[in-house]
């Protein structure tokens, strides 16, 4: 069988009928692009390999359960699954960041921070909540770029590569996201 002449859709159909070799062909055909998309986001080989495996496990499960219906669009679908898993990982790590000393102790155990008044804490917490709610209201493309840039600390080139758009499109989406966020904040009189 000439692997290059068989479409992704045909490989999926044959795999669903029990031809395991078709799955291997499909993975080999797309592994470089999917792995690269992950690596550009996390910049760590071992972690990229783990997320890559998790992505293909999810892909295989979806195909086996007959839930795959992206006819003729396997590559972008697979890349989207990998990108979403990677972003989920980045978000989780952002919440779980721990800085340790040479002995592995959390350095925040040594630092004393000036106490905020209860009023300051409530105002800050409410402002953060309000901004998060406004970010959720942004269009998906704008929200994604904003999150990747602000909370994922990704460059615009990395964002462009991860989302499959040009760097100018990524920059434009960020500009629109910030403008829309600013307008919503002004309308609701939210200050940060």
N, C-alpha and C. Protein backbone atom coordinates (compact mmCIF):
# COMPACT_ATOMS: atom_id res chain seq x y z
N UNK A 1 0.85 -1.18 0.00
CA UNK A 1 0.00 0.00 0.00
C UNK A 1 0.89 1.24 0.00
N UNK A 2 0.61 2.16 -0.90
CA UNK A 2 1.38 3.40 -0.98
C UNK A 2 0.74 4.41 -0.02
N UNK A 3 1.44 4.64 1.09
CA UNK A 3 0.90 5.46 2.17
C UNK A 3 0.57 6.89 1.74
N UNK A 4 1.33 7.43 0.80
CA UNK A 4 1.13 8.83 0.41
C UNK A 4 -0.13 9.03 -0.42
N UNK A 5 -0.63 7.98 -1.08
CA UNK A 5 -1.79 8.13 -1.96
C UNK A 5 -3.11 7.91 -1.23
N UNK A 6 -3.06 7.39 -0.04
CA UNK A 6 -4.28 7.15 0.72
C UNK A 6 -4.57 8.38 1.58
N UNK A 7 -5.79 8.88 1.48
CA UNK A 7 -6.16 10.08 2.24
C UNK A 7 -6.26 9.75 3.73
N UNK A 8 -6.20 10.79 4.54
CA UNK A 8 -6.36 10.62 5.99
C UNK A 8 -7.72 9.99 6.28
N UNK A 9 -8.74 10.45 5.57
CA UNK A 9 -10.09 9.94 5.80
C UNK A 9 -10.16 8.44 5.51
N UNK A 10 -9.51 8.01 4.45
CA UNK A 10 -9.50 6.58 4.11
C UNK A 10 -8.72 5.78 5.15
N UNK A 11 -7.60 6.33 5.61
CA UNK A 11 -6.83 5.65 6.67
C UNK A 11 -7.68 5.48 7.93
N UNK A 12 -8.43 6.50 8.27
CA UNK A 12 -9.30 6.43 9.45
C UNK A 12 -10.37 5.36 9.25
N UNK A 13 -10.98 5.34 8.08
CA UNK A 13 -12.02 4.35 7.78
C UNK A 13 -11.45 2.93 7.88
N UNK A 14 -10.27 2.72 7.29
CA UNK A 14 -9.64 1.40 7.34
C UNK A 14 -9.25 1.02 8.77
N UNK A 15 -8.79 1.99 9.54
CA UNK A 15 -8.45 1.71 10.93
C UNK A 15 -9.70 1.31 11.72
N UNK A 16 -10.79 1.99 11.48
CA UNK A 16 -12.04 1.65 12.16
C UNK A 16 -12.53 0.25 11.80
N UNK A 17 -12.10 -0.22 10.64
CA UNK A 17 -12.47 -1.57 10.22
C UNK A 17 -11.48 -2.62 10.72
N UNK A 18 -10.47 -2.18 11.49
CA UNK A 18 -9.57 -3.15 12.12
C UNK A 18 -8.14 -3.17 11.58
N UNK A 19 -7.81 -2.33 10.63
CA UNK A 19 -6.46 -2.31 10.07
C UNK A 19 -5.57 -1.39 10.93
N UNK A 20 -4.86 -1.98 11.88
CA UNK A 20 -4.02 -1.23 12.82
C UNK A 20 -2.88 -0.49 12.11
N UNK A 21 -2.39 -1.03 11.00
CA UNK A 21 -1.29 -0.40 10.27
C UNK A 21 -1.69 0.99 9.77
N UNK A 22 -2.95 1.19 9.50
CA UNK A 22 -3.42 2.50 9.03
C UNK A 22 -3.27 3.57 10.11
N UNK A 23 -3.48 3.19 11.35
CA UNK A 23 -3.28 4.13 12.44
C UNK A 23 -1.82 4.53 12.52
N UNK A 24 -0.93 3.57 12.40
CA UNK A 24 0.51 3.86 12.43
C UNK A 24 0.89 4.82 11.31
N UNK A 25 0.34 4.59 10.14
CA UNK A 25 0.61 5.48 8.99
C UNK A 25 0.11 6.89 9.27
N UNK A 26 -1.08 6.97 9.83
CA UNK A 26 -1.67 8.27 10.14
C UNK A 26 -0.82 9.03 11.16
N UNK A 27 -0.37 8.33 12.20
CA UNK A 27 0.46 8.97 13.22
C UNK A 27 1.78 9.43 12.63
N UNK A 28 2.43 8.54 11.86
CA UNK A 28 3.71 8.91 11.24
C UNK A 28 3.56 10.11 10.31
N UNK A 29 2.46 10.16 9.60
CA UNK A 29 2.22 11.24 8.64
C UNK A 29 2.12 12.60 9.34
N UNK A 30 1.57 12.63 10.55
CA UNK A 30 1.29 13.91 11.20
C UNK A 30 2.10 14.16 12.47
N UNK A 31 2.95 13.22 12.86
CA UNK A 31 3.63 13.37 14.14
C UNK A 31 4.54 14.59 14.19
N UNK A 32 5.23 14.91 13.14
CA UNK A 32 6.15 16.05 13.17
C UNK A 32 5.41 17.36 13.42
N UNK A 33 4.32 17.58 12.69
CA UNK A 33 3.58 18.84 12.85
C UNK A 33 2.92 18.95 14.22
N UNK A 34 2.34 17.86 14.69
CA UNK A 34 1.67 17.89 15.99
C UNK A 34 2.70 18.08 17.10
N UNK A 35 3.80 17.32 17.04
CA UNK A 35 4.84 17.44 18.06
C UNK A 35 5.44 18.85 18.07
N UNK A 36 5.69 19.39 16.90
CA UNK A 36 6.28 20.74 16.80
C UNK A 36 5.36 21.78 17.41
N UNK A 37 4.06 21.66 17.15
CA UNK A 37 3.10 22.61 17.73
C UNK A 37 3.14 22.57 19.25
N UNK A 38 3.28 21.38 19.80
CA UNK A 38 3.35 21.23 21.26
C UNK A 38 4.67 21.80 21.78
N UNK A 39 5.76 21.42 21.12
CA UNK A 39 7.09 21.83 21.59
C UNK A 39 7.25 23.35 21.58
N UNK A 40 6.68 24.00 20.57
CA UNK A 40 6.78 25.46 20.50
C UNK A 40 6.10 26.13 21.69
N UNK A 41 5.13 25.46 22.28
CA UNK A 41 4.43 26.03 23.43
C UNK A 41 5.14 25.74 24.75
N UNK A 42 5.71 24.53 24.90
CA UNK A 42 6.28 24.17 26.21
C UNK A 42 7.80 24.18 26.25
N UNK A 43 8.45 24.10 25.10
CA UNK A 43 9.92 24.15 25.00
C UNK A 43 10.62 23.12 25.90
N UNK A 44 10.06 21.93 25.94
CA UNK A 44 10.64 20.86 26.74
C UNK A 44 10.34 19.54 26.04
N UNK A 45 11.41 18.82 25.65
CA UNK A 45 11.23 17.60 24.87
C UNK A 45 10.42 16.53 25.59
N UNK A 46 10.78 16.24 26.82
CA UNK A 46 10.09 15.17 27.56
C UNK A 46 8.61 15.52 27.75
N UNK A 47 8.35 16.75 28.12
CA UNK A 47 6.97 17.18 28.31
C UNK A 47 6.21 17.16 26.98
N UNK A 48 6.87 17.59 25.92
CA UNK A 48 6.24 17.57 24.59
C UNK A 48 5.87 16.15 24.19
N UNK A 49 6.75 15.21 24.47
CA UNK A 49 6.47 13.81 24.15
C UNK A 49 5.29 13.29 24.95
N UNK A 50 5.22 13.66 26.22
CA UNK A 50 4.10 13.23 27.07
C UNK A 50 2.77 13.79 26.54
N UNK A 51 2.76 15.07 26.21
CA UNK A 51 1.53 15.68 25.71
C UNK A 51 1.17 15.12 24.35
N UNK A 52 2.20 14.86 23.52
CA UNK A 52 1.96 14.25 22.21
C UNK A 52 1.27 12.90 22.37
N UNK A 53 1.78 12.08 23.28
CA UNK A 53 1.18 10.77 23.51
C UNK A 53 -0.25 10.91 24.02
N UNK A 54 -0.46 11.85 24.93
CA UNK A 54 -1.81 12.08 25.46
C UNK A 54 -2.75 12.53 24.34
N UNK A 55 -2.24 13.38 23.45
CA UNK A 55 -3.07 13.85 22.33
C UNK A 55 -3.47 12.69 21.43
N UNK A 56 -2.52 11.83 21.09
CA UNK A 56 -2.87 10.72 20.19
C UNK A 56 -3.72 9.67 20.89
N UNK A 57 -3.59 9.53 22.19
CA UNK A 57 -4.50 8.63 22.90
C UNK A 57 -5.93 9.17 22.80
N UNK A 58 -6.07 10.47 22.95
CA UNK A 58 -7.39 11.09 22.83
C UNK A 58 -7.92 10.95 21.40
N UNK A 59 -7.05 11.15 20.43
CA UNK A 59 -7.44 11.02 19.03
C UNK A 59 -7.90 9.59 18.74
N UNK A 60 -7.12 8.61 19.19
CA UNK A 60 -7.45 7.21 18.97
C UNK A 60 -8.78 6.86 19.63
N UNK A 61 -8.96 7.33 20.86
CA UNK A 61 -10.21 7.05 21.57
C UNK A 61 -11.40 7.63 20.81
N UNK A 62 -11.26 8.85 20.31
CA UNK A 62 -12.34 9.49 19.56
C UNK A 62 -12.65 8.71 18.29
N UNK A 63 -11.62 8.28 17.57
CA UNK A 63 -11.83 7.52 16.33
C UNK A 63 -12.48 6.17 16.65
N UNK A 64 -11.98 5.49 17.66
CA UNK A 64 -12.53 4.17 18.02
C UNK A 64 -13.98 4.25 18.45
N UNK A 65 -14.35 5.33 19.09
CA UNK A 65 -15.73 5.45 19.57
C UNK A 65 -16.65 6.05 18.50
N UNK A 66 -16.17 6.12 17.27
CA UNK A 66 -16.95 6.63 16.13
C UNK A 66 -17.45 8.06 16.34
N UNK A 67 -16.70 8.86 17.08
CA UNK A 67 -17.09 10.25 17.31
C UNK A 67 -16.34 11.21 16.39
N UNK A 68 -15.40 10.68 15.60
CA UNK A 68 -14.65 11.54 14.68
C UNK A 68 -15.53 11.86 13.48
N UNK A 69 -15.69 13.14 13.18
CA UNK A 69 -16.50 13.52 12.03
C UNK A 69 -15.93 14.73 11.30
N UNK A 70 -14.64 14.93 11.38
CA UNK A 70 -13.98 16.07 10.74
C UNK A 70 -13.53 15.65 9.34
N UNK A 71 -14.44 15.26 8.50
CA UNK A 71 -14.11 14.67 7.21
C UNK A 71 -13.13 15.53 6.42
N UNK A 72 -11.99 14.92 6.10
CA UNK A 72 -10.98 15.59 5.29
C UNK A 72 -10.15 16.62 6.04
N UNK A 73 -10.33 16.73 7.34
CA UNK A 73 -9.63 17.77 8.10
C UNK A 73 -8.92 17.17 9.31
N UNK A 74 -8.32 16.02 9.14
CA UNK A 74 -7.68 15.35 10.27
C UNK A 74 -6.53 16.16 10.84
N UNK A 75 -5.65 16.69 9.99
CA UNK A 75 -4.45 17.40 10.47
C UNK A 75 -4.81 18.59 11.36
N UNK A 76 -5.69 19.50 10.95
CA UNK A 76 -6.01 20.62 11.84
C UNK A 76 -6.75 20.16 13.10
N UNK A 77 -7.56 19.11 12.98
CA UNK A 77 -8.27 18.58 14.14
C UNK A 77 -7.28 18.02 15.16
N UNK A 78 -6.31 17.23 14.69
CA UNK A 78 -5.29 16.65 15.57
C UNK A 78 -4.45 17.77 16.21
N UNK A 79 -4.09 18.77 15.43
CA UNK A 79 -3.29 19.88 15.96
C UNK A 79 -4.09 20.66 17.01
N UNK A 80 -5.40 20.81 16.79
CA UNK A 80 -6.24 21.52 17.75
C UNK A 80 -6.32 20.76 19.08
N UNK A 81 -6.45 19.44 19.01
CA UNK A 81 -6.47 18.63 20.23
C UNK A 81 -5.15 18.80 20.98
N UNK A 82 -4.03 18.70 20.26
CA UNK A 82 -2.72 18.83 20.89
C UNK A 82 -2.55 20.22 21.49
N UNK A 83 -2.95 21.25 20.76
CA UNK A 83 -2.82 22.62 21.25
C UNK A 83 -3.68 22.83 22.51
N UNK A 84 -4.90 22.32 22.50
CA UNK A 84 -5.78 22.47 23.66
C UNK A 84 -5.23 21.75 24.89
N UNK A 85 -4.70 20.55 24.70
CA UNK A 85 -4.09 19.82 25.81
C UNK A 85 -2.88 20.59 26.36
N UNK A 86 -2.11 21.18 25.45
CA UNK A 86 -0.93 21.94 25.86
C UNK A 86 -1.33 23.19 26.64
N UNK A 87 -2.33 23.89 26.15
CA UNK A 87 -2.80 25.09 26.84
C UNK A 87 -3.37 24.73 28.21
N UNK A 88 -4.09 23.61 28.28
CA UNK A 88 -4.59 23.15 29.58
C UNK A 88 -3.43 22.90 30.53
N UNK A 89 -2.37 22.29 30.03
CA UNK A 89 -1.20 22.02 30.87
C UNK A 89 -0.57 23.34 31.34
N UNK A 90 -0.42 24.29 30.42
CA UNK A 90 0.18 25.59 30.76
C UNK A 90 -0.66 26.28 31.84
N UNK A 91 -1.98 26.25 31.67
CA UNK A 91 -2.85 26.88 32.67
C UNK A 91 -2.68 26.22 34.03
N UNK A 92 -2.63 24.91 34.04
CA UNK A 92 -2.46 24.18 35.29
C UNK A 92 -1.13 24.55 35.94
N UNK A 93 -0.07 24.59 35.15
CA UNK A 93 1.24 24.94 35.69
C UNK A 93 1.26 26.37 36.20
N UNK A 94 0.56 27.24 35.53
CA UNK A 94 0.51 28.64 35.95
C UNK A 94 -0.10 28.75 37.35
N UNK A 95 -1.10 27.89 37.63
CA UNK A 95 -1.73 27.89 38.95
C UNK A 95 -0.85 27.23 40.00
N UNK A 96 -0.01 26.27 39.59
CA UNK A 96 0.75 25.44 40.53
C UNK A 96 2.22 25.81 40.63
N UNK A 97 2.58 27.04 40.27
CA UNK A 97 3.99 27.42 40.27
C UNK A 97 4.53 27.43 41.69
N UNK A 98 5.66 26.77 41.88
CA UNK A 98 6.34 26.75 43.18
C UNK A 98 7.80 27.07 42.94
N UNK A 99 8.34 28.00 43.70
CA UNK A 99 9.75 28.34 43.59
C UNK A 99 10.43 27.79 44.84
N UNK A 100 11.49 27.02 44.62
CA UNK A 100 12.15 26.36 45.75
C UNK A 100 13.59 26.80 45.87
N UNK A 101 14.14 26.62 47.08
CA UNK A 101 15.56 26.89 47.28
C UNK A 101 16.35 25.64 46.92
N UNK A 102 17.66 25.67 47.16
CA UNK A 102 18.52 24.56 46.77
C UNK A 102 18.17 23.26 47.48
N UNK A 103 17.47 23.34 48.60
CA UNK A 103 17.09 22.14 49.35
C UNK A 103 15.67 21.68 49.03
N UNK A 104 15.00 22.38 48.12
CA UNK A 104 13.66 21.98 47.72
C UNK A 104 12.54 22.57 48.56
N UNK A 105 12.85 23.52 49.43
CA UNK A 105 11.83 24.16 50.27
C UNK A 105 11.21 25.33 49.53
N UNK A 106 9.91 25.49 49.65
CA UNK A 106 9.19 26.59 49.02
C UNK A 106 9.69 27.91 49.61
N UNK A 107 10.20 28.82 48.74
CA UNK A 107 10.79 30.06 49.26
C UNK A 107 9.75 30.98 49.88
N UNK A 108 8.48 30.80 49.53
CA UNK A 108 7.46 31.66 50.11
C UNK A 108 7.27 31.38 51.60
N UNK A 109 7.83 30.28 52.08
CA UNK A 109 7.79 30.02 53.52
C UNK A 109 8.70 30.98 54.28
N UNK A 110 9.70 31.57 53.59
CA UNK A 110 10.66 32.45 54.24
C UNK A 110 10.30 33.92 54.12
N UNK A 111 9.42 34.24 53.19
CA UNK A 111 9.13 35.64 52.90
C UNK A 111 7.93 36.10 53.71
N UNK A 112 8.08 37.25 54.33
CA UNK A 112 6.93 37.85 55.00
C UNK A 112 6.43 38.99 54.14
N UNK A 113 5.17 38.99 53.89
CA UNK A 113 4.57 39.98 53.01
C UNK A 113 3.68 40.88 53.85
N UNK A 114 3.75 42.18 53.56
CA UNK A 114 2.91 43.12 54.30
C UNK A 114 1.46 42.74 54.11
N UNK A 115 0.74 42.74 55.19
CA UNK A 115 -0.67 42.34 55.15
C UNK A 115 -1.50 43.38 54.41
N UNK A 116 -2.33 42.90 53.53
CA UNK A 116 -3.31 43.76 52.89
C UNK A 116 -4.48 43.89 53.86
N UNK A 117 -5.09 45.03 53.81
CA UNK A 117 -6.29 45.16 54.63
C UNK A 117 -7.38 44.31 54.00
N UNK A 118 -8.37 43.95 54.76
CA UNK A 118 -9.48 43.15 54.24
C UNK A 118 -10.18 43.88 53.10
N UNK A 119 -10.29 45.18 53.22
CA UNK A 119 -10.93 45.97 52.17
C UNK A 119 -10.12 45.91 50.88
N UNK A 120 -8.78 46.05 50.98
CA UNK A 120 -7.92 45.96 49.80
C UNK A 120 -8.03 44.58 49.14
N UNK A 121 -8.06 43.53 49.96
CA UNK A 121 -8.18 42.17 49.43
C UNK A 121 -9.49 41.99 48.68
N UNK A 122 -10.57 42.52 49.26
CA UNK A 122 -11.88 42.39 48.61
C UNK A 122 -11.93 43.15 47.30
N UNK A 123 -11.37 44.35 47.28
CA UNK A 123 -11.37 45.15 46.06
C UNK A 123 -10.54 44.48 44.97
N UNK A 124 -9.34 44.02 45.34
CA UNK A 124 -8.48 43.34 44.37
C UNK A 124 -9.14 42.08 43.85
N UNK A 125 -9.71 41.29 44.74
CA UNK A 125 -10.36 40.05 44.36
C UNK A 125 -11.54 40.31 43.43
N UNK A 126 -12.34 41.32 43.74
CA UNK A 126 -13.50 41.65 42.91
C UNK A 126 -13.04 42.16 41.54
N UNK A 127 -12.00 42.98 41.51
CA UNK A 127 -11.48 43.48 40.23
C UNK A 127 -10.97 42.33 39.36
N UNK A 128 -10.22 41.42 39.96
CA UNK A 128 -9.72 40.26 39.22
C UNK A 128 -10.87 39.41 38.68
N UNK A 129 -11.87 39.21 39.51
CA UNK A 129 -13.04 38.44 39.09
C UNK A 129 -13.74 39.12 37.92
N UNK A 130 -13.93 40.43 38.03
CA UNK A 130 -14.60 41.18 36.96
C UNK A 130 -13.84 41.09 35.65
N UNK A 131 -12.52 41.22 35.71
CA UNK A 131 -11.71 41.15 34.48
C UNK A 131 -11.80 39.75 33.89
N UNK A 132 -11.72 38.70 34.73
CA UNK A 132 -11.84 37.32 34.22
C UNK A 132 -13.18 37.11 33.53
N UNK A 133 -14.23 37.66 34.10
CA UNK A 133 -15.56 37.52 33.49
C UNK A 133 -15.61 38.23 32.14
N UNK A 134 -14.97 39.39 32.04
CA UNK A 134 -14.95 40.11 30.77
C UNK A 134 -14.12 39.36 29.74
N UNK A 135 -13.01 38.77 30.14
CA UNK A 135 -12.18 37.99 29.22
C UNK A 135 -12.99 36.84 28.64
N UNK A 136 -13.82 36.22 29.46
CA UNK A 136 -14.66 35.10 28.99
C UNK A 136 -15.64 35.55 27.91
N UNK A 137 -15.99 36.83 27.90
CA UNK A 137 -16.95 37.34 26.93
C UNK A 137 -16.31 37.72 25.59
N UNK A 138 -14.99 37.72 25.53
CA UNK A 138 -14.31 38.04 24.27
C UNK A 138 -14.56 36.93 23.25
N UNK A 139 -14.51 37.25 21.96
CA UNK A 139 -14.59 36.19 20.95
C UNK A 139 -13.45 35.18 21.16
N UNK A 140 -13.70 33.92 20.83
CA UNK A 140 -12.76 32.82 21.10
C UNK A 140 -11.34 33.13 20.62
N UNK A 141 -11.18 33.62 19.38
CA UNK A 141 -9.85 33.87 18.83
C UNK A 141 -9.10 34.93 19.64
N UNK A 142 -9.82 35.98 20.04
CA UNK A 142 -9.21 37.05 20.82
C UNK A 142 -8.86 36.56 22.22
N UNK A 143 -9.79 35.83 22.83
CA UNK A 143 -9.56 35.30 24.18
C UNK A 143 -8.34 34.38 24.20
N UNK A 144 -8.24 33.51 23.18
CA UNK A 144 -7.14 32.56 23.11
C UNK A 144 -5.79 33.27 23.03
N UNK A 145 -5.68 34.27 22.16
CA UNK A 145 -4.42 35.00 22.01
C UNK A 145 -4.09 35.76 23.30
N UNK A 146 -5.08 36.39 23.91
CA UNK A 146 -4.86 37.13 25.15
C UNK A 146 -4.35 36.21 26.26
N UNK A 147 -4.97 35.06 26.41
CA UNK A 147 -4.56 34.11 27.45
C UNK A 147 -3.15 33.59 27.18
N UNK A 148 -2.87 33.23 25.92
CA UNK A 148 -1.54 32.71 25.59
C UNK A 148 -0.46 33.76 25.84
N UNK A 149 -0.78 35.01 25.53
CA UNK A 149 0.21 36.09 25.68
C UNK A 149 0.37 36.51 27.15
N UNK A 150 -0.74 36.79 27.82
CA UNK A 150 -0.68 37.34 29.17
C UNK A 150 -0.39 36.29 30.23
N UNK A 151 -1.02 35.13 30.13
CA UNK A 151 -0.86 34.13 31.18
C UNK A 151 0.05 32.99 30.76
N UNK A 152 0.21 32.78 29.45
CA UNK A 152 1.11 31.74 28.97
C UNK A 152 2.50 32.25 28.66
N UNK A 153 2.69 33.59 28.72
CA UNK A 153 3.97 34.23 28.43
C UNK A 153 4.56 33.79 27.10
N UNK A 154 3.71 33.66 26.09
CA UNK A 154 4.16 33.22 24.77
C UNK A 154 4.43 34.44 23.90
N UNK A 155 5.40 34.29 23.01
CA UNK A 155 5.68 35.35 22.04
C UNK A 155 4.59 35.30 20.96
N UNK A 156 4.48 36.39 20.18
CA UNK A 156 3.48 36.40 19.12
C UNK A 156 3.82 35.37 18.05
N UNK A 157 5.09 35.09 17.83
CA UNK A 157 5.47 34.06 16.87
C UNK A 157 5.02 32.69 17.37
N UNK A 158 5.20 32.43 18.66
CA UNK A 158 4.75 31.16 19.23
C UNK A 158 3.23 31.03 19.15
N UNK A 159 2.53 32.13 19.41
CA UNK A 159 1.07 32.12 19.32
C UNK A 159 0.63 31.85 17.89
N UNK A 160 1.29 32.52 16.93
CA UNK A 160 0.96 32.32 15.52
C UNK A 160 1.17 30.85 15.13
N UNK A 161 2.29 30.28 15.53
CA UNK A 161 2.59 28.88 15.20
C UNK A 161 1.58 27.95 15.86
N UNK A 162 1.24 28.22 17.10
CA UNK A 162 0.34 27.33 17.84
C UNK A 162 -1.09 27.37 17.31
N UNK A 163 -1.51 28.54 16.82
CA UNK A 163 -2.89 28.68 16.37
C UNK A 163 -3.03 28.54 14.86
N UNK A 164 -1.90 28.43 14.16
CA UNK A 164 -1.94 28.24 12.72
C UNK A 164 -2.34 29.48 11.94
N UNK A 165 -2.00 30.65 12.46
CA UNK A 165 -2.29 31.91 11.76
C UNK A 165 -0.98 32.68 11.58
N UNK A 166 -1.03 33.75 10.81
CA UNK A 166 0.17 34.56 10.62
C UNK A 166 0.42 35.38 11.89
N UNK A 167 1.64 35.87 12.01
CA UNK A 167 1.98 36.69 13.18
C UNK A 167 1.16 37.99 13.17
N UNK A 168 0.89 38.53 11.99
CA UNK A 168 0.07 39.74 11.90
C UNK A 168 -1.35 39.49 12.38
N UNK A 169 -1.89 38.31 12.08
CA UNK A 169 -3.23 37.97 12.55
C UNK A 169 -3.22 37.84 14.06
N UNK A 170 -2.19 37.20 14.62
CA UNK A 170 -2.08 37.07 16.08
C UNK A 170 -2.00 38.45 16.74
N UNK A 171 -1.18 39.34 16.16
CA UNK A 171 -1.06 40.70 16.69
C UNK A 171 -2.40 41.44 16.61
N UNK A 172 -3.08 41.29 15.49
CA UNK A 172 -4.38 41.94 15.31
C UNK A 172 -5.41 41.44 16.32
N UNK A 173 -5.43 40.12 16.54
CA UNK A 173 -6.37 39.57 17.52
C UNK A 173 -6.08 40.09 18.92
N UNK A 174 -4.80 40.25 19.24
CA UNK A 174 -4.44 40.78 20.56
C UNK A 174 -4.89 42.24 20.68
N UNK A 175 -4.66 43.01 19.63
CA UNK A 175 -5.08 44.42 19.64
C UNK A 175 -6.59 44.53 19.82
N UNK A 176 -7.36 43.72 19.06
CA UNK A 176 -8.81 43.74 19.19
C UNK A 176 -9.24 43.28 20.59
N UNK A 177 -8.57 42.27 21.12
CA UNK A 177 -8.91 41.77 22.46
C UNK A 177 -8.72 42.87 23.50
N UNK A 178 -7.59 43.56 23.45
CA UNK A 178 -7.32 44.63 24.42
C UNK A 178 -8.30 45.79 24.26
N UNK A 179 -8.59 46.15 23.00
CA UNK A 179 -9.55 47.24 22.76
C UNK A 179 -10.93 46.86 23.28
N UNK A 180 -11.37 45.64 22.97
CA UNK A 180 -12.69 45.20 23.43
C UNK A 180 -12.75 45.11 24.95
N UNK A 181 -11.69 44.62 25.55
CA UNK A 181 -11.63 44.51 27.01
C UNK A 181 -11.68 45.91 27.64
N UNK A 182 -10.92 46.83 27.07
CA UNK A 182 -10.92 48.21 27.58
C UNK A 182 -12.32 48.82 27.49
N UNK A 183 -13.00 48.63 26.35
CA UNK A 183 -14.35 49.18 26.18
C UNK A 183 -15.32 48.58 27.21
N UNK A 184 -15.25 47.27 27.39
CA UNK A 184 -16.14 46.62 28.36
C UNK A 184 -15.87 47.12 29.78
N UNK A 185 -14.59 47.33 30.09
CA UNK A 185 -14.24 47.82 31.43
C UNK A 185 -14.77 49.24 31.63
N UNK A 186 -14.67 50.08 30.59
CA UNK A 186 -15.19 51.44 30.69
C UNK A 186 -16.70 51.44 30.85
N UNK A 187 -17.38 50.56 30.09
CA UNK A 187 -18.84 50.49 30.18
C UNK A 187 -19.29 50.06 31.57
N UNK A 188 -18.56 49.17 32.19
CA UNK A 188 -18.95 48.66 33.50
C UNK A 188 -18.21 49.38 34.65
N UNK A 189 -17.42 50.39 34.28
CA UNK A 189 -16.68 51.19 35.26
C UNK A 189 -15.81 50.33 36.17
N UNK A 190 -15.08 49.41 35.54
CA UNK A 190 -14.17 48.52 36.29
C UNK A 190 -12.79 49.13 36.25
N UNK A 191 -12.17 49.22 37.43
CA UNK A 191 -10.81 49.76 37.52
C UNK A 191 -9.91 48.68 38.09
N UNK A 192 -8.71 48.61 37.55
CA UNK A 192 -7.73 47.64 38.06
C UNK A 192 -6.47 48.35 38.49
